[in-house]
Amino acid sequence: FDGNAIYRHTDISELRDTTEEDPKELE
């Protein structure tokens, strides 16, 4: 999904799994 448009889709943003992301990129 387009990260710049996630704010328009709360249902999609809730699916984000931060454990799959690089901790530095997440920070």
mmCIF file of all heavy atoms, coordinates in Angstrom:
data_MODEL
# 
_entry.id   MODEL 
# 
loop_
_atom_site.group_PDB 
_atom_site.id 
_atom_site.type_symbol 
_atom_site.label_atom_id 
_atom_site.label_alt_id 
_atom_site.label_comp_id 
_atom_site.label_asym_id 
_atom_site.label_entity_id 
_atom_site.label_seq_id 
_atom_site.pdbx_PDB_ins_code 
_atom_site.Cartn_x 
_atom_site.Cartn_y 
_atom_site.Cartn_z 
_atom_site.occupancy 
_atom_site.B_iso_or_equiv 
_atom_site.pdbx_formal_charge 
_atom_site.auth_seq_id 
_atom_site.auth_comp_id 
_atom_site.auth_asym_id 
_atom_site.auth_atom_id 
_atom_site.pdbx_PDB_model_num 
ATOM 1   N N   . PHE A 1 1  ? 0.836   -1.197  0.000  1.00 0.00 ? 1  PHE A N   1 
ATOM 2   C CA  . PHE A 1 1  ? 0.000   0.000   0.000  1.00 0.00 ? 1  PHE A CA  1 
ATOM 3   C C   . PHE A 1 1  ? 0.875   1.253   0.000  1.00 0.00 ? 1  PHE A C   1 
ATOM 4   O O   . PHE A 1 1  ? 1.982   1.260   0.543  1.00 0.00 ? 1  PHE A O   1 
ATOM 5   C CB  . PHE A 1 1  ? -0.914  0.016   1.229  1.00 0.00 ? 1  PHE A CB  1 
ATOM 6   C CG  . PHE A 1 1  ? -1.853  -1.155  1.300  1.00 0.00 ? 1  PHE A CG  1 
ATOM 7   C CD1 . PHE A 1 1  ? -1.443  -2.359  1.860  1.00 0.00 ? 1  PHE A CD1 1 
ATOM 8   C CD2 . PHE A 1 1  ? -3.135  -1.062  0.787  1.00 0.00 ? 1  PHE A CD2 1 
ATOM 9   C CE1 . PHE A 1 1  ? -2.294  -3.446  1.904  1.00 0.00 ? 1  PHE A CE1 1 
ATOM 10  C CE2 . PHE A 1 1  ? -3.996  -2.148  0.830  1.00 0.00 ? 1  PHE A CE2 1 
ATOM 11  C CZ  . PHE A 1 1  ? -3.577  -3.343  1.391  1.00 0.00 ? 1  PHE A CZ  1 
ATOM 12  N N   . ASP A 1 2  ? 0.346   2.315   -0.594 1.00 0.00 ? 2  ASP A N   1 
ATOM 13  C CA  . ASP A 1 2  ? 1.049   3.592   -0.656 1.00 0.00 ? 2  ASP A CA  1 
ATOM 14  C C   . ASP A 1 2  ? 1.125   4.177   0.756  1.00 0.00 ? 2  ASP A C   1 
ATOM 15  O O   . ASP A 1 2  ? 0.102   4.548   1.338  1.00 0.00 ? 2  ASP A O   1 
ATOM 16  C CB  . ASP A 1 2  ? 0.293   4.540   -1.593 1.00 0.00 ? 2  ASP A CB  1 
ATOM 17  C CG  . ASP A 1 2  ? 0.993   5.875   -1.781 1.00 0.00 ? 2  ASP A CG  1 
ATOM 18  O OD1 . ASP A 1 2  ? 1.974   6.147   -1.058 1.00 0.00 ? 2  ASP A OD1 1 
ATOM 19  O OD2 . ASP A 1 2  ? 0.557   6.653   -2.652 1.00 0.00 ? 2  ASP A OD2 1 
ATOM 20  N N   . GLY A 1 3  ? 2.337   4.257   1.295  1.00 0.00 ? 3  GLY A N   1 
ATOM 21  C CA  . GLY A 1 3  ? 2.518   4.762   2.654  1.00 0.00 ? 3  GLY A CA  1 
ATOM 22  C C   . GLY A 1 3  ? 2.024   6.180   2.837  1.00 0.00 ? 3  GLY A C   1 
ATOM 23  O O   . GLY A 1 3  ? 1.582   6.569   3.929  1.00 0.00 ? 3  GLY A O   1 
ATOM 24  N N   . ASN A 1 4  ? 2.058   6.981   1.762  1.00 0.00 ? 4  ASN A N   1 
ATOM 25  C CA  . ASN A 1 4  ? 1.602   8.366   1.841  1.00 0.00 ? 4  ASN A CA  1 
ATOM 26  C C   . ASN A 1 4  ? 0.083   8.482   1.929  1.00 0.00 ? 4  ASN A C   1 
ATOM 27  O O   . ASN A 1 4  ? -0.437  9.559   2.230  1.00 0.00 ? 4  ASN A O   1 
ATOM 28  C CB  . ASN A 1 4  ? 2.092   9.161   0.629  1.00 0.00 ? 4  ASN A CB  1 
ATOM 29  C CG  . ASN A 1 4  ? 3.603   9.278   0.600  1.00 0.00 ? 4  ASN A CG  1 
ATOM 30  O OD1 . ASN A 1 4  ? 4.222   9.549   1.616  1.00 0.00 ? 4  ASN A OD1 1 
ATOM 31  N ND2 . ASN A 1 4  ? 4.198   9.056   -0.554 1.00 0.00 ? 4  ASN A ND2 1 
ATOM 32  N N   . ALA A 1 5  ? -0.622  7.391   1.643  1.00 0.00 ? 5  ALA A N   1 
ATOM 33  C CA  . ALA A 1 5  ? -2.091  7.428   1.657  1.00 0.00 ? 5  ALA A CA  1 
ATOM 34  C C   . ALA A 1 5  ? -2.690  6.633   2.810  1.00 0.00 ? 5  ALA A C   1 
ATOM 35  O O   . ALA A 1 5  ? -3.919  6.573   2.945  1.00 0.00 ? 5  ALA A O   1 
ATOM 36  C CB  . ALA A 1 5  ? -2.628  6.891   0.329  1.00 0.00 ? 5  ALA A CB  1 
ATOM 37  N N   . ILE A 1 6  ? -1.850  6.039   3.647  1.00 0.00 ? 6  ILE A N   1 
ATOM 38  C CA  . ILE A 1 6  ? -2.349  5.189   4.728  1.00 0.00 ? 6  ILE A CA  1 
ATOM 39  C C   . ILE A 1 6  ? -3.259  5.953   5.682  1.00 0.00 ? 6  ILE A C   1 
ATOM 40  O O   . ILE A 1 6  ? -4.201  5.393   6.251  1.00 0.00 ? 6  ILE A O   1 
ATOM 41  C CB  . ILE A 1 6  ? -1.164  4.547   5.503  1.00 0.00 ? 6  ILE A CB  1 
ATOM 42  C CG1 . ILE A 1 6  ? -0.486  3.482   4.631  1.00 0.00 ? 6  ILE A CG1 1 
ATOM 43  C CG2 . ILE A 1 6  ? -1.616  3.920   6.807  1.00 0.00 ? 6  ILE A CG2 1 
ATOM 44  C CD1 . ILE A 1 6  ? -1.360  2.308   4.269  1.00 0.00 ? 6  ILE A CD1 1 
ATOM 45  N N   . TYR A 1 7  ? -3.003  7.253   5.848  1.00 0.00 ? 7  TYR A N   1 
ATOM 46  C CA  . TYR A 1 7  ? -3.836  8.044   6.764  1.00 0.00 ? 7  TYR A CA  1 
ATOM 47  C C   . TYR A 1 7  ? -5.310  8.034   6.349  1.00 0.00 ? 7  TYR A C   1 
ATOM 48  O O   . TYR A 1 7  ? -6.203  8.299   7.162  1.00 0.00 ? 7  TYR A O   1 
ATOM 49  C CB  . TYR A 1 7  ? -3.314  9.492   6.833  1.00 0.00 ? 7  TYR A CB  1 
ATOM 50  C CG  . TYR A 1 7  ? -3.616  10.327  5.603  1.00 0.00 ? 7  TYR A CG  1 
ATOM 51  C CD1 . TYR A 1 7  ? -4.751  11.141  5.544  1.00 0.00 ? 7  TYR A CD1 1 
ATOM 52  C CD2 . TYR A 1 7  ? -2.781  10.293  4.489  1.00 0.00 ? 7  TYR A CD2 1 
ATOM 53  C CE1 . TYR A 1 7  ? -5.037  11.890  4.412  1.00 0.00 ? 7  TYR A CE1 1 
ATOM 54  C CE2 . TYR A 1 7  ? -3.054  11.044  3.361  1.00 0.00 ? 7  TYR A CE2 1 
ATOM 55  C CZ  . TYR A 1 7  ? -4.188  11.836  3.325  1.00 0.00 ? 7  TYR A CZ  1 
ATOM 56  O OH  . TYR A 1 7  ? -4.465  12.568  2.199  1.00 0.00 ? 7  TYR A OH  1 
ATOM 57  N N   . ARG A 1 8  ? -5.587  7.704   5.096  1.00 0.00 ? 8  ARG A N   1 
ATOM 58  C CA  . ARG A 1 8  ? -6.965  7.668   4.607  1.00 0.00 ? 8  ARG A CA  1 
ATOM 59  C C   . ARG A 1 8  ? -7.635  6.326   4.880  1.00 0.00 ? 8  ARG A C   1 
ATOM 60  O O   . ARG A 1 8  ? -8.834  6.177   4.649  1.00 0.00 ? 8  ARG A O   1 
ATOM 61  C CB  . ARG A 1 8  ? -7.008  7.941   3.097  1.00 0.00 ? 8  ARG A CB  1 
ATOM 62  C CG  . ARG A 1 8  ? -6.368  9.251   2.701  1.00 0.00 ? 8  ARG A CG  1 
ATOM 63  C CD  . ARG A 1 8  ? -6.842  9.736   1.365  1.00 0.00 ? 8  ARG A CD  1 
ATOM 64  N NE  . ARG A 1 8  ? -6.525  8.837   0.246  1.00 0.00 ? 8  ARG A NE  1 
ATOM 65  C CZ  . ARG A 1 8  ? -6.608  9.214   -1.027 1.00 0.00 ? 8  ARG A CZ  1 
ATOM 66  N NH1 . ARG A 1 8  ? -7.001  10.442  -1.322 1.00 0.00 ? 8  ARG A NH1 1 
ATOM 67  N NH2 . ARG A 1 8  ? -6.300  8.372   -1.995 1.00 0.00 ? 8  ARG A NH2 1 
ATOM 68  N N   . HIS A 1 9  ? -6.853  5.350   5.373  1.00 0.00 ? 9  HIS A N   1 
ATOM 69  C CA  . HIS A 1 9  ? -7.382  3.997   5.536  1.00 0.00 ? 9  HIS A CA  1 
ATOM 70  C C   . HIS A 1 9  ? -7.012  3.445   6.912  1.00 0.00 ? 9  HIS A C   1 
ATOM 71  O O   . HIS A 1 9  ? -6.022  2.718   7.063  1.00 0.00 ? 9  HIS A O   1 
ATOM 72  C CB  . HIS A 1 9  ? -6.828  3.082   4.439  1.00 0.00 ? 9  HIS A CB  1 
ATOM 73  C CG  . HIS A 1 9  ? -7.022  3.599   3.050  1.00 0.00 ? 9  HIS A CG  1 
ATOM 74  N ND1 . HIS A 1 9  ? -8.227  3.553   2.394  1.00 0.00 ? 9  HIS A ND1 1 
ATOM 75  C CD2 . HIS A 1 9  ? -6.160  4.217   2.201  1.00 0.00 ? 9  HIS A CD2 1 
ATOM 76  C CE1 . HIS A 1 9  ? -8.097  4.104   1.188  1.00 0.00 ? 9  HIS A CE1 1 
ATOM 77  N NE2 . HIS A 1 9  ? -6.854  4.512   1.055  1.00 0.00 ? 9  HIS A NE2 1 
ATOM 78  N N   . THR A 1 10 ? -7.811  3.771   7.902  1.00 0.00 ? 10 THR A N   1 
ATOM 79  C CA  . THR A 1 10 ? -7.521  3.286   9.256  1.00 0.00 ? 10 THR A CA  1 
ATOM 80  C C   . THR A 1 10 ? -7.604  1.763   9.324  1.00 0.00 ? 10 THR A C   1 
ATOM 81  O O   . THR A 1 10 ? -6.888  1.140   10.104 1.00 0.00 ? 10 THR A O   1 
ATOM 82  C CB  . THR A 1 10 ? -8.493  3.900   10.276 1.00 0.00 ? 10 THR A CB  1 
ATOM 83  O OG1 . THR A 1 10 ? -9.847  3.672   9.835  1.00 0.00 ? 10 THR A OG1 1 
ATOM 84  C CG2 . THR A 1 10 ? -8.273  5.400   10.407 1.00 0.00 ? 10 THR A CG2 1 
ATOM 85  N N   . ASP A 1 11 ? -8.486  1.174   8.491  1.00 0.00 ? 11 ASP A N   1 
ATOM 86  C CA  . ASP A 1 11 ? -8.610  -0.284  8.500  1.00 0.00 ? 11 ASP A CA  1 
ATOM 87  C C   . ASP A 1 11 ? -7.330  -0.954  8.023  1.00 0.00 ? 11 ASP A C   1 
ATOM 88  O O   . ASP A 1 11 ? -6.958  -2.028  8.526  1.00 0.00 ? 11 ASP A O   1 
ATOM 89  C CB  . ASP A 1 11 ? -9.792  -0.739  7.641  1.00 0.00 ? 11 ASP A CB  1 
ATOM 90  C CG  . ASP A 1 11 ? -9.706  -0.242  6.196  1.00 0.00 ? 11 ASP A CG  1 
ATOM 91  O OD1 . ASP A 1 11 ? -9.077  0.819   5.974  1.00 0.00 ? 11 ASP A OD1 1 
ATOM 92  O OD2 . ASP A 1 11 ? -10.262 -0.913  5.293  1.00 0.00 ? 11 ASP A OD2 1 
ATOM 93  N N   . ILE A 1 12 ? -6.641  -0.331  7.071  1.00 0.00 ? 12 ILE A N   1 
ATOM 94  C CA  . ILE A 1 12 ? -5.383  -0.888  6.567  1.00 0.00 ? 12 ILE A CA  1 
ATOM 95  C C   . ILE A 1 12 ? -4.238  -0.612  7.544  1.00 0.00 ? 12 ILE A C   1 
ATOM 96  O O   . ILE A 1 12 ? -3.411  -1.488  7.806  1.00 0.00 ? 12 ILE A O   1 
ATOM 97  C CB  . ILE A 1 12 ? -5.039  -0.312  5.177  1.00 0.00 ? 12 ILE A CB  1 
ATOM 98  C CG1 . ILE A 1 12 ? -6.155  -0.624  4.162  1.00 0.00 ? 12 ILE A CG1 1 
ATOM 99  C CG2 . ILE A 1 12 ? -3.701  -0.850  4.680  1.00 0.00 ? 12 ILE A CG2 1 
ATOM 100 C CD1 . ILE A 1 12 ? -6.411  -2.088  3.931  1.00 0.00 ? 12 ILE A CD1 1 
ATOM 101 N N   . SER A 1 13 ? -4.179  0.590   8.094  1.00 0.00 ? 13 SER A N   1 
ATOM 102 C CA  . SER A 1 13 ? -3.092  0.940   9.025  1.00 0.00 ? 13 SER A CA  1 
ATOM 103 C C   . SER A 1 13 ? -3.103  0.038   10.249 1.00 0.00 ? 13 SER A C   1 
ATOM 104 O O   . SER A 1 13 ? -2.050  -0.238  10.839 1.00 0.00 ? 13 SER A O   1 
ATOM 105 C CB  . SER A 1 13 ? -3.194  2.409   9.442  1.00 0.00 ? 13 SER A CB  1 
ATOM 106 O OG  . SER A 1 13 ? -4.376  2.653   10.170 1.00 0.00 ? 13 SER A OG  1 
ATOM 107 N N   . GLU A 1 14 ? -4.288  -0.450  10.635 1.00 0.00 ? 14 GLU A N   1 
ATOM 108 C CA  . GLU A 1 14 ? -4.395  -1.359  11.787 1.00 0.00 ? 14 GLU A CA  1 
ATOM 109 C C   . GLU A 1 14 ? -3.783  -2.723  11.502 1.00 0.00 ? 14 GLU A C   1 
ATOM 110 O O   . GLU A 1 14 ? -3.523  -3.498  12.426 1.00 0.00 ? 14 GLU A O   1 
ATOM 111 C CB  . GLU A 1 14 ? -5.861  -1.514  12.191 1.00 0.00 ? 14 GLU A CB  1 
ATOM 112 C CG  . GLU A 1 14 ? -6.449  -0.260  12.843 1.00 0.00 ? 14 GLU A CG  1 
ATOM 113 C CD  . GLU A 1 14 ? -7.950  -0.337  13.014 1.00 0.00 ? 14 GLU A CD  1 
ATOM 114 O OE1 . GLU A 1 14 ? -8.545  -1.358  12.570 1.00 0.00 ? 14 GLU A OE1 1 
ATOM 115 O OE2 . GLU A 1 14 ? -8.538  0.600   13.580 1.00 0.00 ? 14 GLU A OE2 1 
ATOM 116 N N   . LEU A 1 15 ? -3.548  -3.035  10.232 1.00 0.00 ? 15 LEU A N   1 
ATOM 117 C CA  . LEU A 1 15 ? -2.968  -4.331  9.854  1.00 0.00 ? 15 LEU A CA  1 
ATOM 118 C C   . LEU A 1 15 ? -1.444  -4.323  9.906  1.00 0.00 ? 15 LEU A C   1 
ATOM 119 O O   . LEU A 1 15 ? -0.811  -5.365  9.724  1.00 0.00 ? 15 LEU A O   1 
ATOM 120 C CB  . LEU A 1 15 ? -3.414  -4.704  8.427  1.00 0.00 ? 15 LEU A CB  1 
ATOM 121 C CG  . LEU A 1 15 ? -4.926  -4.791  8.180  1.00 0.00 ? 15 LEU A CG  1 
ATOM 122 C CD1 . LEU A 1 15 ? -5.191  -5.134  6.722  1.00 0.00 ? 15 LEU A CD1 1 
ATOM 123 C CD2 . LEU A 1 15 ? -5.573  -5.818  9.091  1.00 0.00 ? 15 LEU A CD2 1 
ATOM 124 N N   . ARG A 1 16 ? -0.858  -3.171  10.173 1.00 0.00 ? 16 ARG A N   1 
ATOM 125 C CA  . ARG A 1 16 ? 0.603   -3.051  10.180 1.00 0.00 ? 16 ARG A CA  1 
ATOM 126 C C   . ARG A 1 16 ? 1.219   -3.930  11.267 1.00 0.00 ? 16 ARG A C   1 
ATOM 127 O O   . ARG A 1 16 ? 0.817   -3.893  12.421 1.00 0.00 ? 16 ARG A O   1 
ATOM 128 C CB  . ARG A 1 16 ? 0.988   -1.589  10.414 1.00 0.00 ? 16 ARG A CB  1 
ATOM 129 C CG  . ARG A 1 16 ? 2.485   -1.327  10.317 1.00 0.00 ? 16 ARG A CG  1 
ATOM 130 C CD  . ARG A 1 16 ? 2.780   0.153   10.499 1.00 0.00 ? 16 ARG A CD  1 
ATOM 131 N NE  . ARG A 1 16 ? 4.184   0.467   10.287 1.00 0.00 ? 16 ARG A NE  1 
ATOM 132 C CZ  . ARG A 1 16 ? 4.694   1.682   10.393 1.00 0.00 ? 16 ARG A CZ  1 
ATOM 133 N NH1 . ARG A 1 16 ? 3.913   2.696   10.708 1.00 0.00 ? 16 ARG A NH1 1 
ATOM 134 N NH2 . ARG A 1 16 ? 5.987   1.878   10.184 1.00 0.00 ? 16 ARG A NH2 1 
ATOM 135 N N   . ASP A 1 17 ? 2.195   -4.726  10.876 1.00 0.00 ? 17 ASP A N   1 
ATOM 136 C CA  . ASP A 1 17 ? 2.917   -5.586  11.815 1.00 0.00 ? 17 ASP A CA  1 
ATOM 137 C C   . ASP A 1 17 ? 4.325   -5.018  11.981 1.00 0.00 ? 17 ASP A C   1 
ATOM 138 O O   . ASP A 1 17 ? 5.199   -5.239  11.150 1.00 0.00 ? 17 ASP A O   1 
ATOM 139 C CB  . ASP A 1 17 ? 2.975   -7.023  11.287 1.00 0.00 ? 17 ASP A CB  1 
ATOM 140 C CG  . ASP A 1 17 ? 3.670   -7.981  12.251 1.00 0.00 ? 17 ASP A CG  1 
ATOM 141 O OD1 . ASP A 1 17 ? 4.093   -7.524  13.344 1.00 0.00 ? 17 ASP A OD1 1 
ATOM 142 O OD2 . ASP A 1 17 ? 3.799   -9.171  11.922 1.00 0.00 ? 17 ASP A OD2 1 
ATOM 143 N N   . THR A 1 18 ? 4.524   -4.290  13.074 1.00 0.00 ? 18 THR A N   1 
ATOM 144 C CA  . THR A 1 18 ? 5.808   -3.609  13.278 1.00 0.00 ? 18 THR A CA  1 
ATOM 145 C C   . THR A 1 18 ? 6.947   -4.585  13.559 1.00 0.00 ? 18 THR A C   1 
ATOM 146 O O   . THR A 1 18 ? 8.115   -4.227  13.404 1.00 0.00 ? 18 THR A O   1 
ATOM 147 C CB  . THR A 1 18 ? 5.704   -2.600  14.435 1.00 0.00 ? 18 THR A CB  1 
ATOM 148 O OG1 . THR A 1 18 ? 5.214   -3.260  15.607 1.00 0.00 ? 18 THR A OG1 1 
ATOM 149 C CG2 . THR A 1 18 ? 4.739   -1.473  14.067 1.00 0.00 ? 18 THR A CG2 1 
ATOM 150 N N   . THR A 1 19 ? 6.621   -5.831  13.966 1.00 0.00 ? 19 THR A N   1 
ATOM 151 C CA  . THR A 1 19 ? 7.681   -6.813  14.216 1.00 0.00 ? 19 THR A CA  1 
ATOM 152 C C   . THR A 1 19 ? 8.372   -7.237  12.927 1.00 0.00 ? 19 THR A C   1 
ATOM 153 O O   . THR A 1 19 ? 9.459   -7.802  12.959 1.00 0.00 ? 19 THR A O   1 
ATOM 154 C CB  . THR A 1 19 ? 7.130   -8.064  14.927 1.00 0.00 ? 19 THR A CB  1 
ATOM 155 O OG1 . THR A 1 19 ? 6.195   -8.735  14.059 1.00 0.00 ? 19 THR A OG1 1 
ATOM 156 C CG2 . THR A 1 19 ? 6.419   -7.684  16.221 1.00 0.00 ? 19 THR A CG2 1 
ATOM 157 N N   . GLU A 1 20 ? 7.736   -6.969  11.783 1.00 0.00 ? 20 GLU A N   1 
ATOM 158 C CA  . GLU A 1 20 ? 8.309   -7.331  10.489 1.00 0.00 ? 20 GLU A CA  1 
ATOM 159 C C   . GLU A 1 20 ? 9.197   -6.228  9.915  1.00 0.00 ? 20 GLU A C   1 
ATOM 160 O O   . GLU A 1 20 ? 9.805   -6.397  8.869  1.00 0.00 ? 20 GLU A O   1 
ATOM 161 C CB  . GLU A 1 20 ? 7.185   -7.651  9.491  1.00 0.00 ? 20 GLU A CB  1 
ATOM 162 C CG  . GLU A 1 20 ? 6.449   -8.936  9.768  1.00 0.00 ? 20 GLU A CG  1 
ATOM 163 C CD  . GLU A 1 20 ? 7.275   -10.171 9.452  1.00 0.00 ? 20 GLU A CD  1 
ATOM 164 O OE1 . GLU A 1 20 ? 8.028   -10.146 8.477  1.00 0.00 ? 20 GLU A OE1 1 
ATOM 165 O OE2 . GLU A 1 20 ? 7.178   -11.159 10.202 1.00 0.00 ? 20 GLU A OE2 1 
ATOM 166 N N   . GLU A 1 21 ? 9.237   -5.086  10.588 1.00 0.00 ? 21 GLU A N   1 
ATOM 167 C CA  . GLU A 1 21 ? 9.980   -3.937  10.065 1.00 0.00 ? 21 GLU A CA  1 
ATOM 168 C C   . GLU A 1 21 ? 11.303  -3.765  10.796 1.00 0.00 ? 21 GLU A C   1 
ATOM 169 O O   . GLU A 1 21 ? 11.450  -4.174  11.945 1.00 0.00 ? 21 GLU A O   1 
ATOM 170 C CB  . GLU A 1 21 ? 9.129   -2.674  10.216 1.00 0.00 ? 21 GLU A CB  1 
ATOM 171 C CG  . GLU A 1 21 ? 7.817   -2.729  9.445  1.00 0.00 ? 21 GLU A CG  1 
ATOM 172 C CD  . GLU A 1 21 ? 6.974   -1.483  9.639  1.00 0.00 ? 21 GLU A CD  1 
ATOM 173 O OE1 . GLU A 1 21 ? 7.551   -0.392  9.782  1.00 0.00 ? 21 GLU A OE1 1 
ATOM 174 O OE2 . GLU A 1 21 ? 5.732   -1.593  9.649  1.00 0.00 ? 21 GLU A OE2 1 
ATOM 175 N N   . ASP A 1 22 ? 12.253  -3.159  10.113 1.00 0.00 ? 22 ASP A N   1 
ATOM 176 C CA  . ASP A 1 22 ? 13.534  -2.833  10.728 1.00 0.00 ? 22 ASP A CA  1 
ATOM 177 C C   . ASP A 1 22 ? 13.285  -1.840  11.856 1.00 0.00 ? 22 ASP A C   1 
ATOM 178 O O   . ASP A 1 22 ? 12.656  -0.800  11.644 1.00 0.00 ? 22 ASP A O   1 
ATOM 179 C CB  . ASP A 1 22 ? 14.461  -2.211  9.675  1.00 0.00 ? 22 ASP A CB  1 
ATOM 180 C CG  . ASP A 1 22 ? 15.869  -1.967  10.210 1.00 0.00 ? 22 ASP A CG  1 
ATOM 181 O OD1 . ASP A 1 22 ? 16.001  -1.160  11.141 1.00 0.00 ? 22 ASP A OD1 1 
ATOM 182 O OD2 . ASP A 1 22 ? 16.810  -2.566  9.676  1.00 0.00 ? 22 ASP A OD2 1 
ATOM 183 N N   . PRO A 1 23 ? 13.754  -2.140  13.098 1.00 0.00 ? 23 PRO A N   1 
ATOM 184 C CA  . PRO A 1 23 ? 13.495  -1.243  14.235 1.00 0.00 ? 23 PRO A CA  1 
ATOM 185 C C   . PRO A 1 23 ? 13.971  0.187   13.989 1.00 0.00 ? 23 PRO A C   1 
ATOM 186 O O   . PRO A 1 23 ? 13.322  1.143   14.427 1.00 0.00 ? 23 PRO A O   1 
ATOM 187 C CB  . PRO A 1 23 ? 14.285  -1.886  15.378 1.00 0.00 ? 23 PRO A CB  1 
ATOM 188 C CG  . PRO A 1 23 ? 14.435  -3.318  14.992 1.00 0.00 ? 23 PRO A CG  1 
ATOM 189 C CD  . PRO A 1 23 ? 14.520  -3.323  13.497 1.00 0.00 ? 23 PRO A CD  1 
ATOM 190 N N   . LYS A 1 24 ? 15.078  0.340   13.265 1.00 0.00 ? 24 LYS A N   1 
ATOM 191 C CA  . LYS A 1 24 ? 15.604  1.683   12.988 1.00 0.00 ? 24 LYS A CA  1 
ATOM 192 C C   . LYS A 1 24 ? 14.682  2.430   12.018 1.00 0.00 ? 24 LYS A C   1 
ATOM 193 O O   . LYS A 1 24 ? 14.425  3.623   12.192 1.00 0.00 ? 24 LYS A O   1 
ATOM 194 C CB  . LYS A 1 24 ? 17.021  1.582   12.429 1.00 0.00 ? 24 LYS A CB  1 
ATOM 195 C CG  . LYS A 1 24 ? 18.036  0.965   13.393 1.00 0.00 ? 24 LYS A CG  1 
ATOM 196 C CD  . LYS A 1 24 ? 19.448  1.001   12.844 1.00 0.00 ? 24 LYS A CD  1 
ATOM 197 C CE  . LYS A 1 24 ? 19.645  0.073   11.659 1.00 0.00 ? 24 LYS A CE  1 
ATOM 198 N NZ  . LYS A 1 24 ? 19.402  -1.353  11.949 1.00 0.00 ? 24 LYS A NZ  1 
ATOM 199 N N   . GLU A 1 25 ? 14.186  1.721   11.002 1.00 0.00 ? 25 GLU A N   1 
ATOM 200 C CA  . GLU A 1 25 ? 13.273  2.349   10.050 1.00 0.00 ? 25 GLU A CA  1 
ATOM 201 C C   . GLU A 1 25 ? 11.950  2.708   10.726 1.00 0.00 ? 25 GLU A C   1 
ATOM 202 O O   . GLU A 1 25 ? 11.327  3.730   10.422 1.00 0.00 ? 25 GLU A O   1 
ATOM 203 C CB  . GLU A 1 25 ? 13.033  1.414   8.857  1.00 0.00 ? 25 GLU A CB  1 
ATOM 204 C CG  . GLU A 1 25 ? 14.277  1.215   7.992  1.00 0.00 ? 25 GLU A CG  1 
ATOM 205 C CD  . GLU A 1 25 ? 14.036  0.314   6.795  1.00 0.00 ? 25 GLU A CD  1 
ATOM 206 O OE1 . GLU A 1 25 ? 12.854  0.054   6.475  1.00 0.00 ? 25 GLU A OE1 1 
ATOM 207 O OE2 . GLU A 1 25 ? 15.017  -0.142  6.176  1.00 0.00 ? 25 GLU A OE2 1 
ATOM 208 N N   . LEU A 1 26 ? 11.521  1.853   11.646 1.00 0.00 ? 26 LEU A N   1 
ATOM 209 C CA  . LEU A 1 26 ? 10.294  2.110   12.394 1.00 0.00 ? 26 LEU A CA  1 
ATOM 210 C C   . LEU A 1 26 ? 10.439  3.359   13.258 1.00 0.00 ? 26 LEU A C   1 
ATOM 211 O O   . LEU A 1 26 ? 9.549   4.214   13.306 1.00 0.00 ? 26 LEU A O   1 
ATOM 212 C CB  . LEU A 1 26 ? 9.954   0.896   13.267 1.00 0.00 ? 26 LEU A CB  1 
ATOM 213 C CG  . LEU A 1 26 ? 8.644   0.952   14.042 1.00 0.00 ? 26 LEU A CG  1 
ATOM 214 C CD1 . LEU A 1 26 ? 7.460   1.053   13.096 1.00 0.00 ? 26 LEU A CD1 1 
ATOM 215 C CD2 . LEU A 1 26 ? 8.509   -0.279  14.934 1.00 0.00 ? 26 LEU A CD2 1 
ATOM 216 N N   . GLU A 1 27 ? 11.580  3.472   13.931 1.00 0.00 ? 27 GLU A N   1 
ATOM 217 C CA  . GLU A 1 27 ? 11.845  4.640   14.774 1.00 0.00 ? 27 GLU A CA  1 
ATOM 218 C C   . GLU A 1 27 ? 11.918  5.907   13.917 1.00 0.00 ? 27 GLU A C   1 
ATOM 219 O O   . GLU A 1 27 ? 11.399  6.963   14.295 1.00 0.00 ? 27 GLU A O   1 
ATOM 220 C CB  . GLU A 1 27 ? 13.160  4.436   15.534 1.00 0.00 ? 27 GLU A CB  1 
ATOM 221 C CG  . GLU A 1 27 ? 13.457  5.486   16.595 1.00 0.00 ? 27 GLU A CG  1 
ATOM 222 C CD  . GLU A 1 27 ? 12.510  5.461   17.767 1.00 0.00 ? 27 GLU A CD  1 
ATOM 223 O OE1 . GLU A 1 27 ? 11.829  4.439   17.973 1.00 0.00 ? 27 GLU A OE1 1 
ATOM 224 O OE2 . GLU A 1 27 ? 12.436  6.477   18.489 1.00 0.00 ? 27 GLU A OE2 1 
# 
